[in-house]
Amino acid sequence: MRIGLSFAVCVLTFLASCSDQPAISKRPAIDERSPEPAKSAEPPQLLTREQFEAGWISLFDGHSLFGWRANSDLNWSVRNGVIQADKGEPGLLLTAVKLADYELRCDYQLQPGGNSGLFLRSEFDPKDPTRDCYELNVCDSHPEFPTGSIVGRKKVGTKVVGEGGWKTLHVIVEGPRIVAEIDGRLVMNFLDTSDAVRKIGHIGLQMNGGKVEFRNVSLRPLGMQPMFNGNDLSGWQTVPGSKGKFQATDGTIHVTGGPGFLETKDVWENFLLQADVKTNAPRVNSGIFFRTQQGTEDAPSHGYELQIHNGYKDGDRTQPDDYGAGFGTGAIFRRAKARRVVSNDRQWCTLTLFAHGKRFATWVNGYQVTDWTDERQQHENPRRGLRRKAGHVSLQGHDQTTDVQFRKLRVLKLPR
């Protein structure tokens, strides 16, 4: 899937030249005809390196419904790299995570005469499209809000053909504005000035009549803010008692020399974090800790840990092998294993971490490896229970063999 710059340029030109005009729960089964990739194989190449280093993540892995939830008994399944549904109670297939500002791209195919749509910032079971979601409709025969419309909010200006054959949706959701293209044609520019502006919610794929299919569902968060200026460690502090060295060199934070932690002075509660990471030797162990209590010499790392360790057993990437614990890069260490080791030592990889309330999800090179809910009782210390409160982010030097670099650390605060 190629993601070009033409759309963004067109959108910016359009926004600059135009004024603002009046723009469900059973878990579905997985189709056995779309098996998981071979256990010893490299992960599917869902995105190019250029794309995942730019922050893109895949919401659909091409072979399963990992990371999705259905709100009705529709027969959502995966076949030949495509999500599809055609029977059952109309409803949605929704991302488990809630997202705020993003650029989204997907391909879809709707049976002629059918009814579908893309739900943005949606409740899990939306009832009122004017308050519970933004519904980008795909239904050429809809009498009030045909294809390209935001249902209940803004009707498309000119007729759009949205049925029959594969088509590409490209949507920017940023603040109160939604801008959408279908097959490169700008169809919607909507600014929500109502008292029901939605700030965060699930992304939902709809089947409301007729067979519908989706593929190549990917997203890039918007509004990410840098955590590291590339020159020095302003905004960071070494946790007392650390033996490792933390140095800003060549646009990276380089961690060597022994155990220790480098901690942010700022704290975050609900957020998206992205970072490029490279381990400079085989089986190096490190981590990104988050929602941590402020580190002390006696308690340097009381937080959740996004694991960094690229080892796996017997040539099988579905069997992480980090000191026998078996979690792997992208895991929430001791809480949720990475389902596949995606990254390699001595190569840059891009990590994405989602933390919102008690739900956590991670991606490595755009491929989702965890989807976890912390159902423990609440506790100040995440080692002992669910911590919802804001906390620091810290980079780990695990031991004397640790040799790891971090670059392009960035974060996006998410609404509650």
Protein backbone atom coordinates (compact mmCIF):
# COMPACT_ATOMS: atom_id res chain seq x y z
CA MET A 1 0.00 0.00 0.00
CA ARG A 2 1.52 3.30 -1.03
CA ILE A 3 0.70 6.43 0.91
CA GLY A 4 1.59 9.55 -1.01
CA LEU A 5 1.78 13.23 -0.17
CA SER A 6 -0.73 14.42 -2.76
CA PHE A 7 -3.70 14.01 -0.47
CA ALA A 8 -2.19 16.05 2.34
CA VAL A 9 -1.22 18.80 -0.10
CA CYS A 10 -4.72 18.85 -1.57
CA VAL A 11 -6.30 18.99 1.88
CA LEU A 12 -4.13 21.90 2.99
CA THR A 13 -4.87 23.76 -0.24
CA PHE A 14 -8.58 23.09 0.14
CA LEU A 15 -8.70 24.21 3.76
CA ALA A 16 -6.78 27.37 2.98
CA SER A 17 -9.10 28.36 0.14
CA CYS A 18 -12.52 27.36 1.46
CA SER A 19 -14.69 28.62 4.26
CA ASP A 20 -16.50 26.28 6.61
CA GLN A 21 -19.79 25.29 4.95
CA PRO A 22 -22.80 23.44 6.54
CA ALA A 23 -19.32 17.29 6.98
CA ILE A 24 -22.01 -3.25 19.29
CA SER A 25 -20.64 -7.52 22.34
CA LYS A 26 -19.68 -10.82 20.89
CA ARG A 27 -16.13 -11.53 19.76
CA PRO A 28 -16.15 -12.56 16.10
CA ALA A 29 -14.70 -15.81 14.85
CA ILE A 30 -11.65 -15.92 12.59
CA ASP A 31 -12.03 -17.59 9.21
CA GLU A 32 -9.73 -20.62 9.15
CA ARG A 33 -9.05 -20.05 5.45
CA SER A 34 -6.81 -17.12 6.43
CA PRO A 35 -4.19 -18.87 8.58
CA GLU A 36 -1.55 -17.04 10.61
CA PRO A 37 1.77 -16.66 8.77
CA ALA A 38 4.24 -19.52 9.12
CA LYS A 39 5.72 -19.57 12.60
CA SER A 40 9.31 -19.43 11.41
CA ALA A 41 8.70 -16.76 8.77
CA GLU A 42 9.31 -13.06 8.90
CA PRO A 43 6.22 -11.05 9.89
CA PRO A 44 4.00 -9.84 7.05
CA GLN A 45 5.27 -6.64 5.46
CA LEU A 46 2.16 -4.58 6.06
CA LEU A 47 3.92 -1.23 5.70
CA THR A 48 7.14 -0.02 4.13
CA ARG A 49 9.99 1.11 6.38
CA GLU A 50 9.38 4.66 5.23
CA GLN A 51 5.76 4.41 6.36
CA PHE A 52 6.27 2.91 9.83
CA GLU A 53 9.19 5.22 10.56
CA ALA A 54 6.80 8.08 9.71
CA GLY A 55 4.45 6.78 12.42
CA TRP A 56 1.98 4.66 10.44
CA ILE A 57 0.54 1.56 12.12
CA SER A 58 -1.64 -1.20 10.68
CA LEU A 59 -4.97 -1.76 12.38
CA PHE A 60 -5.52 -5.00 10.42
CA ASP A 61 -2.77 -7.62 10.24
CA GLY A 62 -4.10 -9.31 7.10
CA HIS A 63 -4.82 -12.68 8.71
CA SER A 64 -6.83 -12.21 11.94
CA LEU A 65 -9.16 -9.89 13.84
CA PHE A 66 -6.58 -9.25 16.57
CA GLY A 67 -7.23 -5.83 18.10
CA TRP A 68 -10.88 -5.66 16.97
CA ARG A 69 -14.21 -6.20 18.75
CA ALA A 70 -17.73 -6.68 17.31
CA ASN A 71 -20.84 -5.16 18.84
CA SER A 72 -23.34 -7.56 17.20
CA ASP A 73 -23.50 -11.15 15.98
CA LEU A 74 -22.43 -10.32 12.44
CA ASN A 75 -20.29 -12.96 10.75
CA TRP A 76 -17.12 -10.87 10.61
CA SER A 77 -14.27 -13.00 9.32
CA VAL A 78 -10.98 -12.80 7.45
CA ARG A 79 -10.40 -14.46 4.10
CA ASN A 80 -7.58 -13.92 1.63
CA GLY A 81 -6.32 -10.87 3.48
CA VAL A 82 -9.74 -9.20 3.63
CA ILE A 83 -12.16 -8.48 6.50
CA GLN A 84 -15.68 -9.32 5.39
CA ALA A 85 -19.27 -9.62 6.64
CA ASP A 86 -22.63 -10.32 5.00
CA LYS A 87 -24.91 -12.05 7.51
CA GLY A 88 -26.27 -11.33 10.96
CA GLU A 89 -27.54 -8.39 12.95
CA PRO A 90 -26.22 -5.12 11.45
CA GLY A 91 -23.44 -3.64 13.51
CA LEU A 92 -19.83 -2.63 13.79
CA LEU A 93 -16.39 -4.15 14.04
CA LEU A 94 -14.44 -1.71 16.22
CA THR A 95 -10.86 -1.13 17.26
CA ALA A 96 -10.26 -2.12 20.86
CA VAL A 97 -8.35 1.14 21.36
CA LYS A 98 -9.80 4.64 21.33
CA LEU A 99 -8.09 7.23 19.17
CA ALA A 100 -8.25 11.01 18.87
CA ASP A 101 -6.44 12.80 16.00
CA TYR A 102 -5.20 10.74 13.06
CA GLU A 103 -4.89 10.18 9.35
CA LEU A 104 -6.62 6.95 8.28
CA ARG A 105 -6.50 4.98 5.06
CA CYS A 106 -8.36 1.82 4.05
CA ASP A 107 -9.72 0.04 1.01
CA TYR A 108 -13.30 -1.18 0.96
CA GLN A 109 -15.73 -2.91 -1.38
CA LEU A 110 -19.51 -2.73 -0.92
CA GLN A 111 -22.07 -4.83 -2.75
CA PRO A 112 -24.26 -2.65 -5.03
CA GLY A 113 -27.34 -1.58 -3.10
CA GLY A 114 -25.59 -2.18 0.21
CA ASN A 115 -25.16 0.05 3.23
CA SER A 116 -21.90 0.52 5.10
CA GLY A 117 -19.74 3.23 6.61
CA LEU A 118 -16.69 4.19 8.57
CA PHE A 119 -17.31 5.25 12.18
CA LEU A 120 -14.88 7.76 13.68
CA ARG A 121 -14.37 8.58 17.38
CA SER A 122 -17.29 6.28 18.08
CA GLU A 123 -18.84 4.86 21.20
CA PHE A 124 -18.74 1.06 21.24
CA ASP A 125 -22.49 0.84 20.64
CA PRO A 126 -23.53 4.21 19.15
CA LYS A 127 -27.23 5.05 19.16
CA ASP A 128 -27.32 8.69 18.06
CA PRO A 129 -25.03 9.60 15.13
CA THR A 130 -25.24 13.27 16.04
CA ARG A 131 -23.67 12.66 19.46
CA ASP A 132 -22.16 9.17 19.76
CA CYS A 133 -19.86 9.10 16.70
CA TYR A 134 -18.98 10.60 13.36
CA GLU A 135 -20.40 8.25 10.72
CA LEU A 136 -18.86 8.64 7.26
CA ASN A 137 -21.57 6.99 5.24
CA VAL A 138 -21.14 4.59 2.32
CA CYS A 139 -24.59 4.05 0.83
CA ASP A 140 -25.38 5.52 -2.58
CA SER A 141 -29.13 5.08 -2.12
CA HIS A 142 -29.42 6.75 1.31
CA PRO A 143 -32.20 9.37 0.97
CA GLU A 144 -30.71 11.95 3.35
CA PHE A 145 -27.00 11.25 3.79
CA PRO A 146 -25.63 9.36 0.77
CA THR A 147 -22.03 8.18 0.32
CA GLY A 148 -19.50 10.71 1.58
CA SER A 149 -21.88 12.35 4.07
CA ILE A 150 -21.42 12.59 7.84
CA VAL A 151 -24.73 11.07 8.97
CA GLY A 152 -26.91 13.50 10.93
CA ARG A 153 -24.33 16.27 10.58
CA LYS A 154 -23.48 17.19 6.97
CA LYS A 155 -24.66 15.98 3.56
CA VAL A 156 -22.15 15.49 0.76
CA GLY A 157 -22.19 18.32 -1.77
CA THR A 158 -22.20 16.36 -5.04
CA LYS A 159 -23.08 12.75 -5.83
CA VAL A 160 -20.38 10.19 -5.02
CA VAL A 161 -20.37 6.59 -6.26
CA GLY A 162 -19.28 4.47 -3.30
CA GLU A 163 -20.53 1.00 -4.24
CA GLY A 164 -19.24 -1.73 -6.57
CA GLY A 165 -15.54 -2.49 -6.86
CA TRP A 166 -12.65 -1.67 -4.57
CA LYS A 167 -12.33 1.94 -3.45
CA THR A 168 -9.92 3.77 -1.17
CA LEU A 169 -10.98 5.95 1.76
CA HIS A 170 -8.52 8.53 3.05
CA VAL A 171 -9.61 10.50 6.10
CA ILE A 172 -8.05 13.13 8.33
CA VAL A 173 -9.61 13.55 11.77
CA GLU A 174 -8.03 16.47 13.60
CA GLY A 175 -9.65 18.53 16.34
CA PRO A 176 -13.25 19.31 15.31
CA ARG A 177 -12.54 18.84 11.58
CA ILE A 178 -12.99 15.78 9.35
CA VAL A 179 -11.72 15.79 5.76
CA ALA A 180 -12.31 12.74 3.54
CA GLU A 181 -11.35 11.49 0.09
CA ILE A 182 -12.70 8.54 -1.89
CA ASP A 183 -10.39 7.36 -4.66
CA GLY A 184 -8.49 10.64 -4.55
CA ARG A 185 -11.60 12.82 -4.80
CA LEU A 186 -12.25 15.22 -1.95
CA VAL A 187 -15.82 14.50 -0.81
CA MET A 188 -16.14 15.95 2.70
CA ASN A 189 -14.80 18.90 4.66
CA PHE A 190 -16.70 19.06 7.94
CA LEU A 191 -16.11 21.31 10.93
CA ASP A 192 -18.10 20.34 14.02
CA THR A 193 -19.34 23.51 15.70
CA SER A 194 -22.05 21.72 17.71
CA ASP A 195 -22.19 21.17 21.46
CA ALA A 196 -21.47 17.46 20.81
CA VAL A 197 -17.88 17.60 19.53
CA ARG A 198 -16.30 14.21 20.02
CA LYS A 199 -12.64 14.15 21.05
CA ILE A 200 -11.85 10.43 21.18
CA GLY A 201 -13.42 7.08 20.36
CA HIS A 202 -13.18 3.79 18.50
CA ILE A 203 -12.84 3.35 14.75
CA GLY A 204 -15.66 1.16 13.45
CA LEU A 205 -16.28 -0.74 10.23
CA GLN A 206 -20.00 -1.10 9.49
CA MET A 207 -22.20 -3.65 7.77
CA ASN A 208 -25.75 -2.34 7.61
CA GLY A 209 -26.86 -4.24 4.52
CA GLY A 210 -25.19 -6.22 1.75
CA LYS A 211 -21.74 -7.78 1.72
CA VAL A 212 -18.89 -5.46 2.66
CA GLU A 213 -15.12 -6.01 2.64
CA PHE A 214 -12.17 -4.04 4.05
CA ARG A 215 -8.40 -4.33 3.64
CA ASN A 216 -5.20 -2.31 4.17
CA VAL A 217 -6.50 -0.47 7.24
CA SER A 218 -3.74 1.79 8.53
CA LEU A 219 -3.42 4.92 10.62
CA ARG A 220 -0.93 7.66 11.48
CA PRO A 221 -1.44 9.60 14.74
CA LEU A 222 -1.46 13.38 14.37
CA GLY A 223 -0.21 15.95 16.85
CA MET A 224 2.72 13.95 18.27
CA GLN A 225 5.07 16.12 20.34
CA PRO A 226 8.83 15.51 20.67
CA MET A 227 10.17 14.16 23.98
CA PHE A 228 13.84 14.50 22.98
CA ASN A 229 15.34 17.47 21.15
CA GLY A 230 18.09 15.40 19.52
CA ASN A 231 20.88 17.49 21.02
CA ASP A 232 20.93 17.11 24.80
CA LEU A 233 18.99 15.55 27.68
CA SER A 234 16.87 18.59 28.52
CA GLY A 235 13.62 17.40 30.09
CA TRP A 236 15.22 14.17 31.33
CA GLN A 237 16.95 13.19 34.59
CA THR A 238 19.03 10.21 35.64
CA VAL A 239 17.43 8.17 38.42
CA PRO A 240 19.63 8.13 41.56
CA GLY A 241 21.85 5.05 41.86
CA SER A 242 22.04 4.42 38.10
CA LYS A 243 25.30 2.86 36.92
CA GLY A 244 24.57 3.02 33.21
CA LYS A 245 25.51 5.94 30.99
CA PHE A 246 22.89 7.99 29.16
CA GLN A 247 24.33 10.21 26.45
CA ALA A 248 22.83 12.37 23.70
CA THR A 249 24.92 11.53 20.63
CA ASP A 250 24.24 11.80 16.90
CA GLY A 251 20.58 12.63 17.43
CA THR A 252 20.01 9.62 19.70
CA ILE A 253 19.92 8.77 23.39
CA HIS A 254 22.60 6.10 23.77
CA VAL A 255 22.35 3.77 26.78
CA THR A 256 25.40 1.72 27.82
CA GLY A 257 27.48 0.65 30.79
CA GLY A 258 25.17 -1.02 33.26
CA PRO A 259 21.79 -0.91 35.01
CA GLY A 260 19.99 2.38 35.44
CA PHE A 261 17.17 4.63 34.27
CA LEU A 262 16.80 7.94 32.47
CA GLU A 263 13.45 9.49 33.40
CA THR A 264 11.32 12.29 31.97
CA LYS A 265 10.54 15.26 34.16
CA ASP A 266 7.03 15.41 32.67
CA VAL A 267 4.30 12.84 33.32
CA TRP A 268 1.53 11.37 31.16
CA GLU A 269 -1.70 9.52 31.95
CA ASN A 270 -3.47 8.62 28.68
CA PHE A 271 -1.20 8.81 25.65
CA LEU A 272 0.30 7.46 22.45
CA LEU A 273 4.09 7.14 22.42
CA GLN A 274 6.32 6.36 19.46
CA ALA A 275 10.09 5.83 19.34
CA ASP A 276 12.73 4.36 17.07
CA VAL A 277 14.99 1.89 18.88
CA LYS A 278 18.13 -0.02 17.87
CA THR A 279 19.93 -2.70 19.88
CA ASN A 280 23.61 -2.73 18.95
CA ALA A 281 24.40 -6.33 19.91
CA PRO A 282 22.59 -9.69 19.99
CA ARG A 283 20.05 -10.32 22.76
CA VAL A 284 20.36 -6.88 24.31
CA ASN A 285 17.76 -6.19 26.99
CA SER A 286 16.20 -2.79 27.59
CA GLY A 287 12.78 -1.23 27.99
CA ILE A 288 10.62 1.86 28.02
CA PHE A 289 8.89 2.20 31.38
CA PHE A 290 5.71 4.27 31.64
CA ARG A 291 3.24 5.56 34.19
CA THR A 292 6.11 5.10 36.61
CA GLN A 293 6.40 6.50 40.07
CA GLN A 294 9.34 8.87 40.35
CA GLY A 295 12.47 6.74 40.50
CA THR A 296 14.62 6.51 43.61
CA GLU A 297 17.77 4.55 44.35
CA ASP A 298 15.72 1.96 46.24
CA ALA A 299 12.79 1.89 43.78
CA PRO A 300 14.07 3.03 40.37
CA SER A 301 11.45 1.47 38.09
CA HIS A 302 8.00 1.12 39.61
CA GLY A 303 6.04 1.30 36.35
CA TYR A 304 4.74 -0.68 33.41
CA GLU A 305 7.47 -1.82 31.00
CA LEU A 306 7.38 -1.87 27.21
CA GLN A 307 9.93 -4.64 26.69
CA ILE A 308 12.87 -4.47 24.26
CA HIS A 309 14.48 -7.84 23.53
CA ASN A 310 14.61 -9.40 20.06
CA GLY A 311 15.47 -12.99 21.02
CA TYR A 312 13.27 -15.92 19.98
CA LYS A 313 13.51 -19.72 20.14
CA ASP A 314 14.25 -22.30 17.45
CA GLY A 315 13.81 -19.85 14.57
CA ASP A 316 10.20 -19.34 15.64
CA ARG A 317 9.23 -15.67 16.06
CA THR A 318 6.07 -16.64 17.94
CA GLN A 319 8.27 -17.85 20.83
CA PRO A 320 10.03 -14.85 22.40
CA ASP A 321 13.09 -15.82 24.41
CA ASP A 322 14.12 -13.02 26.74
CA TYR A 323 15.96 -14.70 29.61
CA GLY A 324 13.42 -17.51 29.72
CA ALA A 325 10.48 -15.21 30.40
CA GLY A 326 9.27 -15.28 26.81
CA PHE A 327 7.82 -11.80 26.34
CA GLY A 328 9.72 -10.15 23.47
CA THR A 329 9.98 -6.67 22.01
CA GLY A 330 6.66 -4.86 22.27
CA ALA A 331 5.45 -6.90 25.24
CA ILE A 332 4.12 -5.34 28.42
CA PHE A 333 6.70 -7.20 30.48
CA ARG A 334 5.25 -9.81 32.86
CA ARG A 335 1.73 -8.77 31.81
CA ALA A 336 1.19 -9.38 28.08
CA LYS A 337 3.49 -11.29 25.71
CA ALA A 338 4.28 -10.07 22.23
CA ARG A 339 2.52 -12.48 19.90
CA ARG A 340 5.43 -12.28 17.48
CA VAL A 341 8.99 -10.91 17.58
CA VAL A 342 8.96 -8.45 14.71
CA SER A 343 12.22 -6.52 15.14
CA ASN A 344 15.87 -7.57 14.74
CA ASP A 345 19.04 -6.71 16.62
CA ARG A 346 21.31 -4.11 14.98
CA GLN A 347 18.37 -2.69 13.01
CA TRP A 348 16.23 0.33 13.80
CA CYS A 349 12.64 -0.54 14.70
CA THR A 350 9.69 1.72 15.46
CA LEU A 351 7.66 1.10 18.62
CA THR A 352 4.15 2.44 19.21
CA LEU A 353 2.56 2.32 22.66
CA PHE A 354 -1.10 3.09 23.44
CA ALA A 355 -2.11 3.59 27.08
CA HIS A 356 -5.64 4.72 27.93
CA GLY A 357 -7.26 3.93 31.25
CA LYS A 358 -6.75 0.22 31.80
CA ARG A 359 -6.23 -0.71 28.13
CA PHE A 360 -2.81 -1.02 26.53
CA ALA A 361 -1.70 -1.93 23.02
CA THR A 362 1.64 -1.98 21.21
CA TRP A 363 2.93 -2.13 17.65
CA VAL A 364 6.41 -2.95 16.34
CA ASN A 365 7.18 -1.67 12.85
CA GLY A 366 3.46 -1.04 12.43
CA TYR A 367 2.47 -4.63 13.32
CA GLN A 368 0.31 -4.98 16.44
CA VAL A 369 1.84 -7.37 18.96
CA THR A 370 -0.21 -6.81 22.15
CA ASP A 371 -3.77 -5.88 23.13
CA TRP A 372 -4.17 -6.02 26.90
CA THR A 373 -6.53 -4.82 29.61
CA ASP A 374 -5.22 -4.52 33.17
CA GLU A 375 -8.04 -6.00 35.26
CA ARG A 376 -6.13 -5.87 38.55
CA GLN A 377 -7.21 -3.76 41.49
CA GLN A 378 -5.91 -0.20 41.36
CA HIS A 379 -2.58 0.54 43.00
CA GLU A 380 -0.06 3.40 43.01
CA ASN A 381 2.62 0.93 41.92
CA PRO A 382 1.95 -0.73 38.54
CA ARG A 383 4.00 -3.72 39.65
CA ARG A 384 1.22 -4.48 42.12
CA GLY A 385 -1.95 -3.36 40.36
CA LEU A 386 -3.63 -1.12 37.82
CA ARG A 387 -2.25 2.40 37.79
CA ARG A 388 -4.43 4.94 35.98
CA LYS A 389 -2.61 8.00 37.29
CA ALA A 390 -0.08 9.91 35.23
CA GLY A 391 3.52 8.85 35.58
CA HIS A 392 6.98 9.36 34.18
CA VAL A 393 8.50 7.65 31.14
CA SER A 394 11.96 6.14 31.66
CA LEU A 395 14.54 4.41 29.46
CA GLN A 396 16.26 1.35 30.89
CA GLY A 397 19.83 0.23 31.03
CA HIS A 398 19.29 -3.40 32.01
CA ASP A 399 22.85 -4.66 32.63
CA GLN A 400 26.45 -4.21 31.51
CA THR A 401 25.72 -5.74 28.09
CA THR A 402 23.00 -3.18 27.30
CA ASP A 403 23.88 -1.13 24.25
CA VAL A 404 20.78 0.52 22.81
CA GLN A 405 19.88 3.76 21.08
CA PHE A 406 16.62 5.72 21.05
CA ARG A 407 15.63 8.42 18.59
CA LYS A 408 12.53 10.30 17.44
CA LEU A 409 10.80 9.85 20.81
CA ARG A 410 7.41 11.53 20.60
CA VAL A 411 4.17 11.50 22.54
CA LEU A 412 0.53 12.50 22.11
CA LYS A 413 -1.66 13.19 25.13
CA LEU A 414 -5.08 11.56 24.73
CA PRO A 415 -8.39 12.87 26.11
CA ARG A 416 -10.12 10.78 28.72
